[in-house]
Amino acid sequence: MANHPRRVLGLVAAACVAMLAFGLYLQHVVGLEPCPMCIVQRYALVAVALVAGISALFKRRFWLYAGVIKMGVLAAFGAFVAARQSWLQWNPPEIMSCGRDFFGMIEAFPLRRAIPMIFRGSGDCSVIDWTFLGLSIANWSFLCFSAIALLAVALWMKRPAA
């Protein structure tokens, strides 16, 4: 792994694209409607894929490891959102829906109508529509983002001396 960080980053980018494709399959073929937190996780996944893919192209160590740090931070953000959604699924609120958070939809709108109502997710974040091996999509998302963040830490720790 430490000897081939560019390959690892390329694999991370490919894995993120595969996860995004599966999410789109669940939405458009299976018919699951994503919630706002799912949409935010998708954007985090796109960002991780882009950063990992672009960083894999650089041969200079500085840019490569700067990308590793950015990838780790983005993955940690995605893990945070997925953990929050998992928590909502395990402890559903009295009032249905995860709606209207993201800081009270940026304190009750504008910012051009709260970034089109946080990307138009319409499902309920606390509902579990699909499971695999007993884990929901949010649980799997948390595990994937956490693995990517830990991989970024491992790459950073194993980087060759300057």
Protein backbone atom coordinates (compact mmCIF):
# COMPACT_ATOMS: atom_id res chain seq x y z
CA MET A 1 0.00 0.00 0.00
CA ALA A 2 2.71 2.48 0.97
CA ASN A 3 4.67 1.58 -2.15
CA HIS A 4 1.76 2.28 -4.50
CA PRO A 5 -0.38 5.11 -3.07
CA ARG A 6 -1.46 6.20 -6.55
CA ARG A 7 -2.96 2.77 -7.20
CA VAL A 8 -4.75 2.85 -3.86
CA LEU A 9 -6.19 6.28 -4.66
CA GLY A 10 -7.29 5.02 -8.07
CA LEU A 11 -9.04 2.06 -6.42
CA VAL A 12 -10.74 4.38 -3.93
CA ALA A 13 -12.00 6.54 -6.80
CA ALA A 14 -13.30 3.45 -8.64
CA ALA A 15 -14.98 2.12 -5.49
CA CYS A 16 -16.69 5.49 -4.95
CA VAL A 17 -17.97 5.49 -8.54
CA ALA A 18 -19.29 1.94 -8.03
CA MET A 19 -21.08 3.00 -4.83
CA LEU A 20 -22.61 6.00 -6.59
CA ALA A 21 -23.77 3.74 -9.43
CA PHE A 22 -25.37 1.38 -6.92
CA GLY A 23 -27.12 4.30 -5.23
CA LEU A 24 -28.50 5.43 -8.58
CA TYR A 25 -29.60 1.84 -9.29
CA LEU A 26 -31.47 1.75 -5.98
CA GLN A 27 -33.10 5.08 -6.81
CA HIS A 28 -34.03 4.62 -10.46
CA VAL A 29 -34.52 0.84 -10.78
CA VAL A 30 -35.60 -0.27 -7.32
CA GLY A 31 -37.52 2.95 -6.67
CA LEU A 32 -36.02 4.06 -3.35
CA GLU A 33 -36.33 7.82 -2.86
CA PRO A 34 -33.19 9.40 -1.35
CA CYS A 35 -33.54 11.66 1.67
CA PRO A 36 -31.57 14.93 2.12
CA MET A 37 -28.88 13.16 4.15
CA CYS A 38 -28.52 10.54 1.40
CA ILE A 39 -28.02 13.31 -1.12
CA VAL A 40 -25.35 14.97 1.05
CA GLN A 41 -23.60 11.59 1.34
CA ARG A 42 -23.70 11.24 -2.45
CA TYR A 43 -22.03 14.62 -2.84
CA ALA A 44 -19.40 13.63 -0.29
CA LEU A 45 -18.84 10.42 -2.26
CA VAL A 46 -18.47 12.39 -5.50
CA ALA A 47 -15.97 14.71 -3.80
CA VAL A 48 -13.96 11.78 -2.41
CA ALA A 49 -13.94 10.13 -5.87
CA LEU A 50 -12.79 13.34 -7.57
CA VAL A 51 -10.07 14.10 -5.03
CA ALA A 52 -8.80 10.51 -5.00
CA GLY A 53 -8.88 10.27 -8.79
CA ILE A 54 -7.16 13.59 -9.39
CA SER A 55 -4.58 12.91 -6.64
CA ALA A 56 -3.77 9.55 -8.24
CA LEU A 57 -2.67 11.42 -11.35
CA PHE A 58 0.04 13.41 -9.53
CA LYS A 59 3.54 12.02 -9.26
CA ARG A 60 4.89 14.73 -6.97
CA ARG A 61 4.62 13.66 -3.37
CA PHE A 62 3.37 17.01 -2.12
CA TRP A 63 0.26 16.98 -4.34
CA LEU A 64 -0.32 13.28 -3.81
CA TYR A 65 -0.36 13.55 -0.03
CA ALA A 66 -2.27 16.83 -0.05
CA GLY A 67 -4.96 14.88 -1.90
CA VAL A 68 -4.77 12.10 0.69
CA ILE A 69 -5.46 14.65 3.44
CA LYS A 70 -8.40 16.17 1.52
CA MET A 71 -9.78 12.70 0.80
CA GLY A 72 -9.58 11.82 4.50
CA VAL A 73 -11.36 15.01 5.56
CA LEU A 74 -14.14 14.51 2.98
CA ALA A 75 -14.53 10.86 3.99
CA ALA A 76 -14.76 11.88 7.66
CA PHE A 77 -17.51 14.37 6.75
CA GLY A 78 -19.38 11.65 4.85
CA ALA A 79 -18.98 9.29 7.83
CA PHE A 80 -20.37 11.98 10.14
CA VAL A 81 -23.48 12.46 7.98
CA ALA A 82 -23.98 8.69 7.66
CA ALA A 83 -23.54 8.25 11.43
CA ARG A 84 -26.14 10.95 12.06
CA GLN A 85 -28.57 9.24 9.68
CA SER A 86 -27.89 5.85 11.30
CA TRP A 87 -28.60 7.39 14.68
CA LEU A 88 -31.90 8.79 13.36
CA GLN A 89 -32.80 5.34 12.06
CA TRP A 90 -32.08 3.70 15.40
CA ASN A 91 -33.81 6.49 17.37
CA PRO A 92 -36.55 7.83 15.10
CA PRO A 93 -37.89 11.24 16.11
CA GLU A 94 -41.49 11.69 17.22
CA ILE A 95 -42.18 13.91 14.23
CA MET A 96 -41.51 12.10 10.98
CA SER A 97 -38.68 13.11 8.63
CA CYS A 98 -35.19 14.41 9.00
CA GLY A 99 -36.35 17.40 7.11
CA ARG A 100 -35.49 20.90 7.91
CA ASP A 101 -32.28 20.52 9.57
CA PHE A 102 -28.96 21.31 8.02
CA PHE A 103 -28.93 24.07 10.58
CA GLY A 104 -32.63 24.79 10.26
CA MET A 105 -32.28 24.83 6.47
CA ILE A 106 -29.64 27.51 6.93
CA GLU A 107 -31.76 29.33 9.47
CA ALA A 108 -35.02 29.16 7.53
CA PHE A 109 -34.16 29.56 3.90
CA PRO A 110 -32.68 32.06 1.47
CA LEU A 111 -29.10 31.19 0.51
CA ARG A 112 -31.12 30.95 -2.73
CA ARG A 113 -33.81 28.88 -0.99
CA ALA A 114 -31.34 26.81 1.08
CA ILE A 115 -29.32 25.33 -1.72
CA PRO A 116 -32.36 23.99 -3.51
CA MET A 117 -33.74 22.48 -0.35
CA ILE A 118 -30.61 20.48 0.16
CA PHE A 119 -30.52 18.96 -3.27
CA ARG A 120 -34.16 17.83 -3.41
CA GLY A 121 -34.05 14.67 -1.36
CA SER A 122 -37.59 13.78 -0.45
CA GLY A 123 -37.43 10.56 1.52
CA ASP A 124 -37.54 10.31 5.31
CA CYS A 125 -34.04 9.97 6.79
CA SER A 126 -35.22 7.82 9.68
CA VAL A 127 -36.89 5.16 7.50
CA ILE A 128 -34.97 2.00 6.62
CA ASP A 129 -36.05 1.06 3.09
CA TRP A 130 -33.34 -1.47 2.26
CA THR A 131 -30.95 -3.70 4.19
CA PHE A 132 -28.11 -6.05 3.40
CA LEU A 133 -26.70 -8.36 6.08
CA GLY A 134 -28.85 -6.52 8.61
CA LEU A 135 -27.37 -3.09 7.90
CA SER A 136 -29.14 -0.15 6.28
CA ILE A 137 -27.75 1.97 3.46
CA ALA A 138 -26.69 4.60 6.02
CA ASN A 139 -24.85 1.95 8.06
CA TRP A 140 -23.00 0.69 4.97
CA SER A 141 -22.26 4.26 3.94
CA PHE A 142 -20.78 4.93 7.38
CA LEU A 143 -18.59 1.83 7.15
CA CYS A 144 -17.38 2.75 3.65
CA PHE A 145 -16.61 6.37 4.52
CA SER A 146 -14.87 5.27 7.73
CA ALA A 147 -12.75 2.75 5.81
CA ILE A 148 -11.74 5.45 3.32
CA ALA A 149 -10.86 7.86 6.15
CA LEU A 150 -8.79 5.17 7.88
CA LEU A 151 -7.12 4.34 4.58
CA ALA A 152 -6.21 8.02 4.19
CA VAL A 153 -4.68 8.01 7.68
CA ALA A 154 -2.73 4.83 6.85
CA LEU A 155 -1.45 6.32 3.58
CA TRP A 156 -0.42 9.50 5.39
CA MET A 157 1.37 7.58 8.15
CA LYS A 158 3.20 5.29 5.71
CA ARG A 159 4.32 8.04 3.35
CA PRO A 160 8.00 7.94 2.43
CA ALA A 161 10.31 10.41 4.13
CA ALA A 162 10.92 13.61 2.19
